[in-house]
Amino acid sequence: MFKSKKNRFVALEVNEYVIRAIVMNSLDIKQAVVYEHPLQPGIIERDTIRDEMALFDELKALVPAWGIKRHDVRFFVPDSSVMMKSFEHPTDVVAGKLKAYVEMELGRTIHLPFAQPLIDVYDDNPNDGEATLFAAPSDEVSKMTGLLDDVSLNPTVADVRTLSTIRFLETLNVFADHKSYLITDWSITGVSISIYTPGKLEFLRYQTIDTTMKKWRSGQIDGAEVQFSYDGEIEEYRMQLVDQIAEIERILNFYRFSLYKGEKAVDELIILGDSPEIDHIVSEIRSNYETSITHIGDQEVQSLHPQLKSRHISLIGLVYKEVN
């Protein structure tokens, strides 16, 4: 959504509870440096920046501490704001012109539920006359780009987290042709659910988990990795996971029977995320579903990047993104 030719950049994640970054001072990811910083509750709530000044102060302090002043920055559009929509286009509109085509057709043949959207286009098969539009309200992205500008950073790319995650999983060779995968990406406060058949993202939904960060405590290991623990009876939080895990069954049935009339089903469930309860989530899903299940953990990530962990999957995919 922005452009830059610099080799030096930061892949940045800012969510309700942590600021996380992969700093690239060259194009060699082996030389990348990873930083994390816990975010105080209330600064961001449900993907919305509630206290811009507090977030500005946090970022302003981190820029010199992490040595990233004037770096280009790649970041994510808020998960809950992303809308996915398939559209048809004339076959003579080449991939590089699709975004301009969508902008021209907005309000005519392509309709969105909000004004002045931030858009991107994903074209898995340039020859079939179909593509996928990703759109989000520009408000929160504009807030973030303004804050990054104010702390001497240069926002260059705003990406959809799920696309970055898939980009990494493709590099990891997780996917097989002609199979469909339901991917669940679990954070403390929500879960992103997508269905992907190699080359085509077919479903995307984000669901919040009913918790407040005021009930979580953070601790930092060696000044770097941030760990979170629940301040109370963990079963209280786990009860909130039950509905999200059950929702997987409803989505599997919707995909199989509503979209494909019983002729196609999801072949495998993929589980990943930075949730402190990821092991519990994996265990519960394994005990409730007969579909093949794969957990992408630290070991899988480190088979490609020994210095990185599963919590960095989406950021690695953001590093991989090609920028024209």
Protein backbone atom coordinates (compact mmCIF):
# COMPACT_ATOMS: atom_id res chain seq x y z
CA MET A 1 0.00 0.00 0.00
CA PHE A 2 3.12 2.17 0.18
CA LYS A 3 6.44 1.98 -1.64
CA SER A 4 10.13 2.08 -0.75
CA LYS A 5 13.38 0.72 -2.19
CA LYS A 6 15.37 0.60 1.03
CA ASN A 7 16.86 -2.68 2.25
CA ARG A 8 16.65 -1.59 5.88
CA PHE A 9 13.24 -2.05 7.43
CA VAL A 10 11.22 -3.20 10.43
CA ALA A 11 8.40 -5.76 10.44
CA LEU A 12 6.25 -4.44 13.29
CA GLU A 13 3.34 -5.91 15.22
CA VAL A 14 1.34 -3.75 17.62
CA ASN A 15 -1.61 -5.38 19.32
CA GLU A 16 -3.54 -5.11 22.57
CA TYR A 17 -0.73 -6.44 24.74
CA VAL A 18 2.65 -6.37 22.98
CA ILE A 19 4.82 -4.46 20.53
CA ARG A 20 6.94 -6.95 18.60
CA ALA A 21 9.48 -6.31 15.85
CA ILE A 22 11.87 -8.06 13.50
CA VAL A 23 14.54 -5.52 12.55
CA MET A 24 16.17 -6.07 9.17
CA ASN A 25 19.35 -4.05 8.67
CA SER A 26 20.03 -6.06 5.51
CA LEU A 27 18.04 -8.42 3.34
CA ASP A 28 19.52 -11.44 5.16
CA ILE A 29 16.96 -12.62 7.73
CA LYS A 30 19.73 -14.60 9.45
CA GLN A 31 21.06 -11.24 10.63
CA ALA A 32 17.68 -10.01 11.87
CA VAL A 33 17.25 -8.77 15.44
CA VAL A 34 14.05 -9.44 17.40
CA TYR A 35 12.53 -7.13 20.02
CA GLU A 36 9.45 -7.29 22.24
CA HIS A 37 7.89 -4.84 24.63
CA PRO A 38 4.73 -5.34 26.75
CA LEU A 39 1.98 -2.79 26.21
CA GLN A 40 0.02 -1.44 29.14
CA PRO A 41 -3.69 -2.39 29.27
CA GLY A 42 -6.07 0.20 27.88
CA ILE A 43 -3.79 1.73 25.24
CA ILE A 44 -5.28 -0.52 22.54
CA GLU A 45 -8.62 -2.28 23.03
CA ARG A 46 -10.25 -4.58 20.48
CA ASP A 47 -7.92 -3.41 17.69
CA THR A 48 -8.74 0.24 18.38
CA ILE A 49 -6.14 2.72 19.61
CA ARG A 50 -7.75 4.26 22.70
CA ASP A 51 -4.81 6.36 23.96
CA GLU A 52 -2.77 7.75 21.06
CA MET A 53 -0.50 9.81 23.32
CA ALA A 54 0.41 6.79 25.45
CA LEU A 55 1.19 4.71 22.35
CA PHE A 56 3.23 7.61 20.95
CA ASP A 57 5.26 7.71 24.18
CA GLU A 58 5.88 3.95 24.04
CA LEU A 59 6.99 4.04 20.40
CA LYS A 60 9.09 7.16 20.90
CA ALA A 61 11.06 5.41 23.67
CA LEU A 62 11.50 2.19 21.67
CA VAL A 63 12.81 3.78 18.45
CA PRO A 64 16.21 4.80 19.88
CA ALA A 65 16.37 1.78 22.20
CA TRP A 66 15.96 -0.58 19.24
CA GLY A 67 18.10 1.55 16.90
CA ILE A 68 15.43 1.89 14.22
CA LYS A 69 15.18 5.65 13.67
CA ARG A 70 14.23 6.46 10.05
CA HIS A 71 13.75 2.79 9.20
CA ASP A 72 10.97 1.76 6.84
CA VAL A 73 8.17 -0.03 8.67
CA ARG A 74 5.86 -2.82 7.58
CA PHE A 75 2.84 -3.42 9.81
CA PHE A 76 -0.54 -5.14 9.95
CA VAL A 77 -4.02 -3.86 9.30
CA PRO A 78 -6.15 -4.56 12.43
CA ASP A 79 -7.45 -8.13 12.16
CA SER A 80 -11.03 -7.35 13.13
CA SER A 81 -11.41 -4.66 10.47
CA VAL A 82 -10.46 -6.72 7.41
CA MET A 83 -13.17 -7.61 4.91
CA MET A 84 -12.56 -10.17 2.15
CA LYS A 85 -14.59 -10.17 -1.05
CA SER A 86 -14.20 -12.02 -4.36
CA PHE A 87 -14.87 -10.10 -7.57
CA GLU A 88 -14.84 -10.70 -11.30
CA HIS A 89 -12.80 -8.59 -13.68
CA PRO A 90 -12.19 -8.41 -17.44
CA THR A 91 -9.51 -10.90 -18.49
CA ASP A 92 -7.50 -8.13 -20.15
CA VAL A 93 -6.94 -6.41 -16.77
CA VAL A 94 -3.48 -7.66 -15.78
CA ALA A 95 -2.51 -8.34 -12.15
CA GLY A 96 -0.59 -5.08 -11.78
CA LYS A 97 -3.67 -3.07 -12.80
CA LEU A 98 -6.24 -4.83 -10.59
CA LYS A 99 -6.00 -2.38 -7.71
CA ALA A 100 -6.61 0.55 -10.06
CA TYR A 101 -9.54 -1.37 -11.57
CA VAL A 102 -11.09 -1.89 -8.12
CA GLU A 103 -10.66 1.79 -7.23
CA MET A 104 -12.46 2.73 -10.45
CA GLU A 105 -15.30 0.26 -9.81
CA LEU A 106 -15.92 1.11 -6.14
CA GLY A 107 -19.51 2.26 -5.78
CA ARG A 108 -20.37 1.00 -9.27
CA THR A 109 -19.93 -2.77 -9.60
CA ILE A 110 -17.99 -3.27 -6.35
CA HIS A 111 -19.62 -2.16 -3.11
CA LEU A 112 -18.14 -1.93 0.40
CA PRO A 113 -19.87 -1.09 3.71
CA PHE A 114 -17.56 1.83 4.55
CA ALA A 115 -16.29 4.98 2.87
CA GLN A 116 -12.66 5.68 1.94
CA PRO A 117 -11.50 2.08 2.35
CA LEU A 118 -7.90 0.95 2.44
CA ILE A 119 -7.70 -1.79 -0.20
CA ASP A 120 -5.38 -4.49 -1.50
CA VAL A 121 -5.91 -7.16 -4.13
CA TYR A 122 -4.85 -10.82 -4.10
CA ASP A 123 -4.93 -12.64 -7.46
CA ASP A 124 -4.15 -16.34 -7.10
CA ASN A 125 -4.78 -17.18 -10.75
CA PRO A 126 -4.17 -14.27 -13.14
CA ASN A 127 -5.96 -16.03 -15.99
CA ASP A 128 -9.36 -16.88 -14.51
CA GLY A 129 -11.02 -13.46 -14.43
CA GLU A 130 -11.45 -13.55 -10.64
CA ALA A 131 -9.50 -12.01 -7.77
CA THR A 132 -9.92 -11.29 -4.08
CA LEU A 133 -10.30 -7.84 -2.59
CA PHE A 134 -9.20 -7.08 0.96
CA ALA A 135 -10.59 -3.87 2.40
CA ALA A 136 -10.57 -2.11 5.75
CA PRO A 137 -11.69 1.28 7.09
CA SER A 138 -8.78 3.68 6.84
CA ASP A 139 -9.21 5.25 10.32
CA GLU A 140 -7.06 2.90 12.44
CA VAL A 141 -4.41 2.48 9.74
CA SER A 142 -4.20 6.26 9.39
CA LYS A 143 -3.75 6.58 13.15
CA MET A 144 -0.88 4.10 13.07
CA THR A 145 0.86 5.65 10.05
CA GLY A 146 0.58 9.06 11.71
CA LEU A 147 2.14 7.76 14.93
CA LEU A 148 4.96 6.05 13.03
CA ASP A 149 5.68 9.26 11.13
CA ASP A 150 5.70 11.21 14.40
CA VAL A 151 8.39 8.97 15.93
CA SER A 152 10.71 9.22 12.90
CA LEU A 153 9.72 5.99 11.18
CA ASN A 154 8.61 5.55 7.58
CA PRO A 155 5.48 3.40 7.07
CA THR A 156 5.79 1.57 3.75
CA VAL A 157 3.59 -1.56 3.85
CA ALA A 158 0.26 -2.33 5.54
CA ASP A 159 -0.48 -6.03 5.13
CA VAL A 160 -3.23 -8.47 6.10
CA ARG A 161 -1.88 -10.71 8.88
CA THR A 162 -3.44 -13.87 7.44
CA LEU A 163 -1.71 -13.32 4.10
CA SER A 164 1.63 -12.94 5.89
CA THR A 165 0.97 -16.13 7.84
CA ILE A 166 0.16 -18.05 4.66
CA ARG A 167 3.28 -16.64 3.02
CA PHE A 168 5.40 -18.21 5.77
CA LEU A 169 3.51 -21.52 5.75
CA GLU A 170 4.02 -21.77 1.98
CA THR A 171 7.76 -21.36 2.50
CA LEU A 172 7.62 -24.05 5.18
CA ASN A 173 6.01 -26.36 2.58
CA VAL A 174 3.03 -27.07 4.83
CA PHE A 175 0.51 -27.15 2.00
CA ALA A 176 -0.15 -29.90 -0.53
CA ASP A 177 -1.90 -29.29 -3.84
CA HIS A 178 -5.63 -30.01 -4.00
CA LYS A 179 -6.04 -30.06 -0.22
CA SER A 180 -7.87 -27.48 1.90
CA TYR A 181 -6.66 -26.18 5.24
CA LEU A 182 -8.42 -24.41 8.08
CA ILE A 183 -5.85 -22.20 9.83
CA THR A 184 -6.44 -20.89 13.36
CA ASP A 185 -4.10 -18.20 14.68
CA TRP A 186 -4.63 -17.72 18.45
CA SER A 187 -3.73 -14.63 20.45
CA ILE A 188 -4.71 -13.80 24.02
CA THR A 189 -7.63 -11.65 22.91
CA GLY A 190 -8.83 -13.30 19.70
CA VAL A 191 -8.51 -15.96 17.01
CA SER A 192 -8.15 -15.48 13.27
CA ILE A 193 -9.76 -18.30 11.27
CA SER A 194 -9.12 -18.81 7.58
CA ILE A 195 -9.57 -21.56 5.00
CA TYR A 196 -6.88 -21.87 2.34
CA THR A 197 -6.55 -24.08 -0.69
CA PRO A 198 -3.08 -23.55 -2.20
CA GLY A 199 -3.35 -20.42 -4.31
CA LYS A 200 -6.77 -19.40 -2.99
CA LEU A 201 -7.92 -17.92 0.31
CA GLU A 202 -11.57 -18.99 0.57
CA PHE A 203 -12.67 -17.84 4.02
CA LEU A 204 -11.53 -15.27 6.60
CA ARG A 205 -12.99 -14.39 9.99
CA TYR A 206 -11.70 -12.84 13.21
CA GLN A 207 -13.36 -13.61 16.54
CA THR A 208 -12.66 -11.91 19.85
CA ILE A 209 -12.09 -13.81 23.08
CA ASP A 210 -13.94 -12.38 26.07
CA THR A 211 -11.07 -11.34 28.32
CA THR A 212 -9.44 -8.13 29.52
CA MET A 213 -5.70 -7.52 29.61
CA LYS A 214 -6.13 -6.16 33.12
CA LYS A 215 -6.35 -9.83 34.18
CA TRP A 216 -3.00 -10.70 32.59
CA ARG A 217 0.51 -10.13 33.95
CA SER A 218 3.58 -9.71 31.76
CA GLY A 219 7.20 -10.58 32.45
CA GLN A 220 10.23 -10.07 30.27
CA ILE A 221 13.02 -12.66 29.84
CA ASP A 222 16.54 -11.23 29.44
CA GLY A 223 15.07 -7.89 28.38
CA ALA A 224 13.65 -9.46 25.21
CA GLU A 225 10.92 -12.11 25.11
CA VAL A 226 7.68 -11.17 26.87
CA GLN A 227 5.67 -13.87 28.66
CA PHE A 228 2.08 -13.49 29.85
CA SER A 229 0.27 -15.29 32.66
CA TYR A 230 -3.35 -15.15 33.79
CA ASP A 231 -3.90 -13.42 37.13
CA GLY A 232 -6.55 -15.72 38.58
CA GLU A 233 -8.01 -19.16 37.96
CA ILE A 234 -6.90 -20.17 34.48
CA GLU A 235 -10.07 -22.23 34.04
CA GLU A 236 -11.95 -18.93 33.96
CA TYR A 237 -10.09 -18.00 30.78
CA ARG A 238 -10.22 -21.51 29.36
CA MET A 239 -13.99 -21.40 29.53
CA GLN A 240 -13.84 -18.50 27.07
CA LEU A 241 -11.91 -20.71 24.65
CA VAL A 242 -14.64 -23.35 24.56
CA ASP A 243 -16.96 -21.34 22.28
CA GLN A 244 -14.11 -20.46 19.91
CA ILE A 245 -13.08 -24.11 19.59
CA ALA A 246 -16.71 -25.12 19.02
CA GLU A 247 -17.02 -22.47 16.30
CA ILE A 248 -14.51 -24.44 14.22
CA GLU A 249 -17.12 -27.17 13.74
CA ARG A 250 -19.69 -24.67 12.48
CA ILE A 251 -17.19 -23.23 10.00
CA LEU A 252 -16.18 -26.71 8.78
CA ASN A 253 -19.83 -27.53 8.14
CA PHE A 254 -20.49 -24.18 6.46
CA TYR A 255 -17.53 -24.74 4.13
CA ARG A 256 -18.50 -28.32 3.28
CA PHE A 257 -22.27 -28.10 2.98
CA SER A 258 -23.10 -24.45 2.24
CA LEU A 259 -20.20 -23.56 -0.05
CA TYR A 260 -19.57 -26.95 -1.66
CA LYS A 261 -22.87 -28.84 -1.22
CA GLY A 262 -21.09 -31.74 0.46
CA GLU A 263 -18.63 -32.26 -2.39
CA LYS A 264 -15.56 -30.79 -0.70
CA ALA A 265 -14.33 -30.62 2.91
CA VAL A 266 -11.38 -29.25 4.85
CA ASP A 267 -8.58 -31.83 4.89
CA GLU A 268 -6.43 -30.50 7.73
CA LEU A 269 -6.52 -28.08 10.67
CA ILE A 270 -3.44 -25.93 11.28
CA ILE A 271 -2.97 -24.35 14.71
CA LEU A 272 -0.52 -21.57 15.56
CA GLY A 273 -0.30 -18.36 17.56
CA ASP A 274 1.30 -16.60 20.52
CA SER A 275 -1.42 -17.51 23.05
CA PRO A 276 0.05 -18.62 26.41
CA GLU A 277 -2.63 -21.34 26.29
CA ILE A 278 -1.66 -22.70 22.87
CA ASP A 279 -0.77 -26.16 24.23
CA HIS A 280 -4.18 -26.38 25.91
CA ILE A 281 -5.88 -25.21 22.72
CA VAL A 282 -4.05 -27.84 20.65
CA SER A 283 -4.99 -30.56 23.15
CA GLU A 284 -8.66 -29.56 23.15
CA ILE A 285 -8.87 -29.41 19.36
CA ARG A 286 -7.16 -32.80 19.02
CA SER A 287 -9.67 -34.32 21.44
CA ASN A 288 -12.70 -32.83 19.68
CA TYR A 289 -11.90 -33.21 15.98
CA GLU A 290 -11.05 -36.21 13.85
CA THR A 291 -9.64 -34.09 11.01
CA SER A 292 -5.86 -34.23 10.63
CA ILE A 293 -4.28 -31.58 12.91
CA THR A 294 -0.89 -29.85 12.67
CA HIS A 295 0.54 -27.49 15.28
CA ILE A 296 3.17 -25.10 13.94
CA GLY A 297 5.39 -24.48 16.97
CA ASP A 298 8.90 -23.24 17.67
CA GLN A 299 10.55 -26.36 16.29
CA GLU A 300 8.91 -25.98 12.89
CA VAL A 301 9.80 -22.30 12.65
CA GLN A 302 13.38 -22.92 13.74
CA SER A 303 13.85 -25.49 10.97
CA LEU A 304 14.01 -22.42 8.72
CA HIS A 305 15.08 -19.64 11.10
CA PRO A 306 16.89 -20.93 14.23
CA GLN A 307 16.80 -17.57 16.00
CA LEU A 308 13.03 -17.08 15.65
CA LYS A 309 9.94 -18.67 17.26
CA SER A 310 6.35 -19.47 16.42
CA ARG A 311 5.23 -16.14 17.87
CA HIS A 312 7.06 -14.54 14.93
CA ILE A 313 5.29 -16.44 12.13
CA SER A 314 3.23 -13.53 10.80
CA LEU A 315 6.15 -11.11 11.11
CA ILE A 316 8.38 -13.51 9.15
CA GLY A 317 5.74 -13.55 6.43
CA LEU A 318 5.77 -9.76 6.49
CA VAL A 319 9.55 -9.84 5.99
CA TYR A 320 9.03 -12.18 3.03
CA LYS A 321 6.59 -9.83 1.32
CA GLU A 322 7.90 -8.52 -1.98
CA VAL A 323 7.59 -4.74 -2.31
CA ASN A 324 7.74 -3.17 -5.75
